[in-house]
């Protein structure tokens, strides 16, 4: 649907609006992929309303293989503060499993596992500040 540039609180954002499937619209914000849920009763989105919607990250960026371990890395899609951790080491997860809650730009963002597997390690703790790309968790694929 197009690419748009925004400035929010003095920070530049490039938003690429993708396809809509039901109430979900895929967007890319500064290179990070997000799925935006359109609230019921909303009009069919045009680029401006979709871009104005608050993107809530769903699965974190596709995991990269861990060096030497063959596991999956869950990295922060955006800088923020860890509000809560929803899983623990040894827990079995799937792509719909919420790993943690990350607050960024006064929004709560759910970070999900990007694969089926077992949580090998959580690398952060509540109230910890993280930057985009920081390692949050490691998942051993199943």
Protein backbone atom coordinates (compact mmCIF):
# COMPACT_ATOMS: atom_id res chain seq x y z
CA UNK A 1 0.00 0.00 0.00
CA UNK A 2 2.99 2.30 0.20
CA UNK A 3 5.81 3.71 2.26
CA UNK A 4 5.37 6.74 4.52
CA UNK A 5 7.75 8.80 6.66
CA UNK A 6 6.74 10.08 10.10
CA UNK A 7 8.42 12.06 12.86
CA UNK A 8 7.19 11.15 16.36
CA UNK A 9 8.70 12.87 19.40
CA UNK A 10 11.59 14.04 17.21
CA UNK A 11 12.44 10.51 15.96
CA UNK A 12 12.09 9.60 12.27
CA UNK A 13 10.10 6.51 11.29
CA UNK A 14 9.73 4.94 7.87
CA UNK A 15 6.53 2.88 7.71
CA UNK A 16 5.83 0.49 4.86
CA UNK A 17 2.20 -0.61 4.84
CA UNK A 18 1.68 -4.12 3.50
CA UNK A 19 -1.30 -6.31 2.88
CA UNK A 20 -4.44 -6.71 4.95
CA UNK A 21 -5.77 -10.12 5.93
CA UNK A 22 -9.01 -9.81 7.89
CA UNK A 23 -8.36 -7.42 10.77
CA UNK A 24 -4.57 -7.77 10.49
CA UNK A 25 -2.33 -5.44 8.47
CA UNK A 26 1.36 -6.17 8.03
CA UNK A 27 3.61 -3.12 8.41
CA UNK A 28 7.35 -2.58 8.50
CA UNK A 29 8.60 0.23 10.78
CA UNK A 30 12.27 1.17 10.29
CA UNK A 31 12.94 -2.33 8.94
CA UNK A 32 11.16 -4.22 11.77
CA UNK A 33 8.05 -6.22 10.88
CA UNK A 34 4.83 -5.79 12.85
CA UNK A 35 1.26 -7.00 12.58
CA UNK A 36 -1.32 -4.32 13.33
CA UNK A 37 -4.79 -5.35 14.44
CA UNK A 38 -7.60 -3.14 13.15
CA UNK A 39 -10.28 -2.68 15.80
CA UNK A 40 -13.73 -3.95 14.87
CA UNK A 41 -15.94 -1.22 13.49
CA UNK A 42 -12.99 0.57 11.89
CA UNK A 43 -13.30 1.59 8.28
CA UNK A 44 -11.27 -0.15 5.61
CA UNK A 45 -7.76 1.16 6.16
CA UNK A 46 -6.05 3.60 3.88
CA UNK A 47 -2.35 4.28 4.33
CA UNK A 48 -2.83 7.22 6.71
CA UNK A 49 -5.13 5.49 9.26
CA UNK A 50 -3.10 2.28 9.22
CA UNK A 51 0.16 4.17 9.72
CA UNK A 52 -1.46 6.18 12.51
CA UNK A 53 -2.54 2.97 14.27
CA UNK A 54 -0.27 1.98 17.13
CA UNK A 55 1.72 -1.02 15.86
CA UNK A 56 1.97 -3.83 18.35
CA UNK A 57 4.83 -6.18 17.66
CA UNK A 58 3.88 -9.79 17.41
CA UNK A 59 6.49 -12.34 16.67
CA UNK A 60 9.90 -10.79 17.09
CA UNK A 61 12.07 -10.58 14.02
CA UNK A 62 12.81 -13.97 12.54
CA UNK A 63 15.26 -15.71 14.86
CA UNK A 64 18.85 -16.04 13.74
CA UNK A 65 20.68 -19.26 14.51
CA UNK A 66 22.73 -18.98 17.69
CA UNK A 67 26.44 -19.25 17.06
CA UNK A 68 27.51 -22.85 17.58
CA UNK A 69 24.30 -23.84 19.34
CA UNK A 70 21.81 -23.98 16.47
CA UNK A 71 19.17 -22.33 18.64
CA UNK A 72 16.91 -19.39 17.97
CA UNK A 73 17.50 -15.91 19.28
CA UNK A 74 14.60 -13.64 20.23
CA UNK A 75 15.78 -10.06 19.86
CA UNK A 76 14.16 -6.76 20.80
CA UNK A 77 12.33 -5.33 17.77
CA UNK A 78 12.43 -1.86 19.36
CA UNK A 79 14.17 -0.13 22.26
CA UNK A 80 12.23 -0.07 25.53
CA UNK A 81 11.88 -1.39 29.08
CA UNK A 82 11.04 -5.00 29.97
CA UNK A 83 7.79 -4.89 31.97
CA UNK A 84 7.34 -8.61 32.62
CA UNK A 85 8.70 -11.99 31.61
CA UNK A 86 6.02 -14.55 30.78
CA UNK A 87 8.13 -17.73 30.41
CA UNK A 88 11.02 -19.41 32.20
CA UNK A 89 13.99 -21.50 31.13
CA UNK A 90 12.93 -25.05 30.26
CA UNK A 91 9.43 -24.04 29.20
CA UNK A 92 8.13 -25.36 25.87
CA UNK A 93 6.97 -22.56 23.54
CA UNK A 94 5.44 -22.11 20.10
CA UNK A 95 5.00 -19.03 17.89
CA UNK A 96 1.86 -18.02 19.80
CA UNK A 97 3.67 -18.12 23.17
CA UNK A 98 4.27 -14.69 24.70
CA UNK A 99 7.88 -14.42 25.89
CA UNK A 100 7.72 -11.01 27.53
CA UNK A 101 6.06 -7.60 27.62
CA UNK A 102 8.17 -4.66 26.44
CA UNK A 103 7.19 -1.01 26.96
CA UNK A 104 8.31 1.28 24.16
CA UNK A 105 7.11 4.82 23.44
CA UNK A 106 4.47 4.48 26.19
CA UNK A 107 3.03 1.36 24.52
CA UNK A 108 3.05 -2.22 25.74
CA UNK A 109 4.42 -4.62 23.11
CA UNK A 110 3.99 -8.37 23.40
CA UNK A 111 7.07 -10.27 22.24
CA UNK A 112 6.33 -13.80 21.06
CA UNK A 113 8.45 -16.85 20.38
CA UNK A 114 9.23 -17.11 16.68
CA UNK A 115 9.48 -20.91 16.61
CA UNK A 116 8.52 -24.12 18.34
CA UNK A 117 11.05 -25.12 20.96
CA UNK A 118 12.19 -24.91 24.55
CA UNK A 119 13.34 -21.72 26.27
CA UNK A 120 17.05 -22.24 26.85
CA UNK A 121 17.74 -18.91 28.57
CA UNK A 122 16.13 -15.56 29.38
CA UNK A 123 18.77 -12.83 28.97
CA UNK A 124 16.86 -9.91 30.54
CA UNK A 125 14.93 -9.12 33.71
CA UNK A 126 11.95 -6.91 34.55
CA UNK A 127 12.62 -3.15 34.49
CA UNK A 128 15.74 -3.66 32.36
CA UNK A 129 16.22 -1.21 29.50
CA UNK A 130 16.95 -2.83 26.13
CA UNK A 131 17.90 -1.45 22.74
CA UNK A 132 16.61 -2.58 19.37
CA UNK A 133 18.41 -5.82 18.48
CA UNK A 134 19.36 -6.77 22.06
CA UNK A 135 19.13 -10.49 22.85
CA UNK A 136 16.03 -11.18 24.99
CA UNK A 137 15.84 -14.97 25.02
CA UNK A 138 17.30 -18.06 23.41
CA UNK A 139 15.06 -20.88 22.21
CA UNK A 140 16.28 -24.38 21.38
CA UNK A 141 14.22 -25.54 18.37
CA UNK A 142 12.18 -28.71 18.72
